[in-house]
């Protein structure tokens, strides 16, 4: 009888630890989801005005020392 009591006690404490872990995991998932939504809202408000896009200029757009003098003369 005492053995059964100890077995139940041990099983109960393990279940309690598992419930705490599952509650912690659920809370972490909820916080992660909220952070992701907040980030998406911030990025939507910015509307790409702070996002820098790196563009490679075309060959005709590249001005070197000699090219700039030629283009100024054409104007």
N, C-alpha and C. Protein backbone atom coordinates (compact mmCIF):
# COMPACT_ATOMS: atom_id res chain seq x y z
N UNK A 1 0.81 -1.18 0.00
CA UNK A 1 0.00 0.00 0.00
C UNK A 1 0.87 1.26 0.00
N UNK A 2 1.90 1.25 0.78
CA UNK A 2 2.80 2.41 0.81
C UNK A 2 3.52 2.53 -0.52
N UNK A 3 3.87 1.39 -1.13
CA UNK A 3 4.54 1.43 -2.43
C UNK A 3 3.63 2.09 -3.47
N UNK A 4 2.36 1.72 -3.46
CA UNK A 4 1.41 2.31 -4.40
C UNK A 4 1.30 3.82 -4.18
N UNK A 5 1.29 4.22 -2.91
CA UNK A 5 1.21 5.64 -2.60
C UNK A 5 2.43 6.39 -3.15
N UNK A 6 3.62 5.84 -2.95
CA UNK A 6 4.84 6.49 -3.45
C UNK A 6 4.86 6.53 -4.98
N UNK A 7 4.38 5.45 -5.60
CA UNK A 7 4.33 5.42 -7.06
C UNK A 7 3.38 6.50 -7.57
N UNK A 8 2.22 6.61 -6.95
CA UNK A 8 1.27 7.65 -7.34
C UNK A 8 1.84 9.04 -7.10
N UNK A 9 2.53 9.20 -5.98
CA UNK A 9 3.13 10.49 -5.66
C UNK A 9 4.18 10.88 -6.69
N UNK A 10 5.01 9.92 -7.07
CA UNK A 10 6.05 10.19 -8.07
C UNK A 10 5.42 10.49 -9.41
N UNK A 11 4.44 9.69 -9.82
CA UNK A 11 3.75 9.94 -11.09
C UNK A 11 3.06 11.30 -11.09
N UNK A 12 2.44 11.66 -9.97
CA UNK A 12 1.76 12.94 -9.88
C UNK A 12 2.75 14.10 -10.01
N UNK A 13 3.91 13.97 -9.36
CA UNK A 13 4.90 15.05 -9.45
C UNK A 13 5.46 15.15 -10.87
N UNK A 14 5.63 14.02 -11.56
CA UNK A 14 6.11 14.05 -12.94
C UNK A 14 5.07 14.71 -13.85
N UNK A 15 3.80 14.38 -13.64
CA UNK A 15 2.74 15.00 -14.44
C UNK A 15 2.69 16.50 -14.19
N UNK A 16 2.90 16.89 -12.95
CA UNK A 16 2.88 18.31 -12.61
C UNK A 16 4.03 19.04 -13.30
N UNK A 17 5.21 18.43 -13.34
CA UNK A 17 6.35 19.03 -14.03
C UNK A 17 6.07 19.13 -15.53
N UNK A 18 5.46 18.08 -16.09
CA UNK A 18 5.12 18.10 -17.51
C UNK A 18 4.11 19.20 -17.82
N UNK A 19 3.15 19.40 -16.92
CA UNK A 19 2.17 20.45 -17.14
C UNK A 19 2.83 21.82 -17.10
N UNK A 20 3.80 22.00 -16.21
CA UNK A 20 4.51 23.27 -16.13
C UNK A 20 5.32 23.51 -17.40
N UNK A 21 5.96 22.45 -17.89
CA UNK A 21 6.73 22.58 -19.13
C UNK A 21 5.82 22.89 -20.31
N UNK A 22 4.69 22.22 -20.39
CA UNK A 22 3.78 22.47 -21.51
C UNK A 22 3.19 23.87 -21.42
N UNK A 23 2.90 24.34 -20.22
CA UNK A 23 2.40 25.71 -20.06
C UNK A 23 3.47 26.72 -20.47
N UNK A 24 4.72 26.45 -20.11
CA UNK A 24 5.82 27.33 -20.49
C UNK A 24 5.99 27.37 -22.00
N UNK A 25 5.94 26.19 -22.62
CA UNK A 25 6.07 26.12 -24.09
C UNK A 25 4.93 26.87 -24.78
N UNK A 26 3.72 26.70 -24.28
CA UNK A 26 2.57 27.39 -24.87
C UNK A 26 2.73 28.91 -24.72
N UNK A 27 3.22 29.34 -23.57
CA UNK A 27 3.44 30.77 -23.35
C UNK A 27 4.51 31.30 -24.29
N UNK A 28 5.57 30.53 -24.48
CA UNK A 28 6.63 30.95 -25.39
C UNK A 28 6.14 31.05 -26.83
N UNK A 29 5.32 30.09 -27.24
CA UNK A 29 4.76 30.13 -28.60
C UNK A 29 3.88 31.36 -28.78
N UNK A 30 3.08 31.66 -27.77
CA UNK A 30 2.20 32.83 -27.84
C UNK A 30 3.02 34.12 -27.92
N UNK A 31 4.07 34.22 -27.12
CA UNK A 31 4.93 35.41 -27.17
C UNK A 31 5.64 35.53 -28.51
N UNK A 32 6.08 34.40 -29.05
CA UNK A 32 6.73 34.41 -30.36
C UNK A 32 5.76 34.87 -31.45
N UNK A 33 4.53 34.40 -31.39
CA UNK A 33 3.52 34.80 -32.37
C UNK A 33 3.22 36.29 -32.26
N UNK A 34 3.10 36.78 -31.04
CA UNK A 34 2.82 38.20 -30.84
C UNK A 34 3.98 39.06 -31.33
N UNK A 35 5.21 38.62 -31.08
CA UNK A 35 6.38 39.37 -31.54
C UNK A 35 6.43 39.40 -33.06
N UNK A 36 6.11 38.27 -33.68
CA UNK A 36 6.10 38.21 -35.14
C UNK A 36 5.04 39.15 -35.72
N UNK A 37 3.84 39.15 -35.12
CA UNK A 37 2.78 40.05 -35.58
C UNK A 37 3.17 41.51 -35.39
N UNK A 38 3.78 41.83 -34.25
CA UNK A 38 4.23 43.19 -34.00
C UNK A 38 5.25 43.63 -35.04
N UNK A 39 6.18 42.73 -35.35
CA UNK A 39 7.21 43.03 -36.34
C UNK A 39 6.58 43.26 -37.72
N UNK A 40 5.62 42.42 -38.08
CA UNK A 40 4.95 42.59 -39.37
C UNK A 40 4.18 43.91 -39.43
N UNK A 41 3.54 44.30 -38.33
CA UNK A 41 2.83 45.58 -38.30
C UNK A 41 3.79 46.75 -38.46
N UNK A 42 4.92 46.68 -37.78
CA UNK A 42 5.91 47.76 -37.87
C UNK A 42 6.43 47.87 -39.29
N UNK A 43 6.74 46.73 -39.91
CA UNK A 43 7.26 46.76 -41.27
C UNK A 43 6.19 47.24 -42.25
N UNK A 44 4.93 46.93 -42.00
CA UNK A 44 3.86 47.41 -42.88
C UNK A 44 3.69 48.92 -42.75
N UNK A 45 3.87 49.45 -41.54
CA UNK A 45 3.76 50.89 -41.34
C UNK A 45 4.91 51.63 -42.01
N UNK A 46 6.07 51.04 -42.00
CA UNK A 46 7.23 51.69 -42.62
C UNK A 46 7.08 51.75 -44.13
N UNK A 47 6.40 50.77 -44.69
CA UNK A 47 6.11 50.74 -46.12
C UNK A 47 7.37 50.87 -46.96
N UNK A 48 8.38 50.15 -46.60
CA UNK A 48 9.63 50.03 -47.36
C UNK A 48 10.41 51.33 -47.48
N UNK A 49 10.03 52.39 -46.77
CA UNK A 49 10.78 53.63 -46.93
C UNK A 49 12.13 53.57 -46.22
N UNK A 50 12.27 52.67 -45.25
CA UNK A 50 13.54 52.52 -44.56
C UNK A 50 14.36 51.35 -45.08
N UNK A 51 13.79 50.60 -45.98
CA UNK A 51 14.49 49.44 -46.51
C UNK A 51 15.35 49.89 -47.67
N UNK A 52 16.62 49.67 -47.55
CA UNK A 52 17.51 50.09 -48.63
C UNK A 52 17.67 48.93 -49.61
N UNK A 53 17.46 49.24 -50.85
CA UNK A 53 17.65 48.24 -51.89
C UNK A 53 18.93 48.59 -52.62
N UNK A 54 19.78 47.65 -52.73
CA UNK A 54 21.04 47.89 -53.40
C UNK A 54 20.85 47.60 -54.88
N UNK A 55 21.10 48.59 -55.69
CA UNK A 55 20.94 48.41 -57.13
C UNK A 55 22.29 48.53 -57.80
N UNK A 56 22.44 47.80 -58.84
CA UNK A 56 23.67 47.84 -59.63
C UNK A 56 23.41 48.74 -60.82
N UNK A 57 24.17 49.81 -60.97
CA UNK A 57 23.92 50.71 -62.09
C UNK A 57 24.25 50.05 -63.42
N UNK A 58 23.53 50.48 -64.44
CA UNK A 58 23.79 49.97 -65.79
C UNK A 58 25.10 50.56 -66.29
N UNK A 59 25.62 50.01 -67.35
CA UNK A 59 26.91 50.46 -67.86
C UNK A 59 26.87 51.92 -68.30
N UNK A 60 25.74 52.35 -68.86
CA UNK A 60 25.61 53.72 -69.30
C UNK A 60 25.49 54.71 -68.15
N UNK A 61 25.10 54.24 -66.98
CA UNK A 61 24.92 55.11 -65.83
C UNK A 61 26.21 55.34 -65.06
N UNK A 62 27.20 54.51 -65.27
CA UNK A 62 28.46 54.64 -64.55
C UNK A 62 29.25 55.79 -65.15
N UNK A 63 29.58 56.75 -64.33
CA UNK A 63 30.34 57.91 -64.79
C UNK A 63 31.74 57.86 -64.20
N UNK A 64 32.69 57.83 -65.06
CA UNK A 64 34.08 57.91 -64.62
C UNK A 64 34.57 59.32 -64.86
N UNK A 65 35.84 59.61 -64.58
CA UNK A 65 36.36 60.96 -64.78
C UNK A 65 36.23 61.42 -66.24
N UNK A 66 36.49 60.55 -67.18
CA UNK A 66 36.41 60.97 -68.58
C UNK A 66 34.97 61.01 -69.07
N UNK A 67 34.14 60.11 -68.59
CA UNK A 67 32.74 60.08 -69.03
C UNK A 67 31.98 61.31 -68.57
N UNK A 68 32.25 61.78 -67.36
CA UNK A 68 31.51 62.93 -66.86
C UNK A 68 31.83 64.18 -67.68
N UNK A 69 33.06 64.32 -68.13
CA UNK A 69 33.43 65.48 -68.96
C UNK A 69 32.71 65.41 -70.30
N UNK A 70 32.59 64.24 -70.87
CA UNK A 70 31.92 64.08 -72.17
C UNK A 70 30.43 64.38 -72.03
N UNK A 71 29.80 63.89 -70.98
CA UNK A 71 28.36 64.10 -70.80
C UNK A 71 28.06 65.56 -70.51
N UNK A 72 28.96 66.27 -69.83
CA UNK A 72 28.74 67.69 -69.57
C UNK A 72 28.84 68.49 -70.86
N UNK A 73 29.73 68.08 -71.75
CA UNK A 73 29.88 68.77 -73.03
C UNK A 73 28.64 68.57 -73.90
N UNK A 74 28.01 67.39 -73.80
CA UNK A 74 26.83 67.10 -74.60
C UNK A 74 25.65 67.96 -74.18
N UNK A 75 25.61 68.38 -72.93
CA UNK A 75 24.49 69.18 -72.42
C UNK A 75 24.65 70.56 -72.93
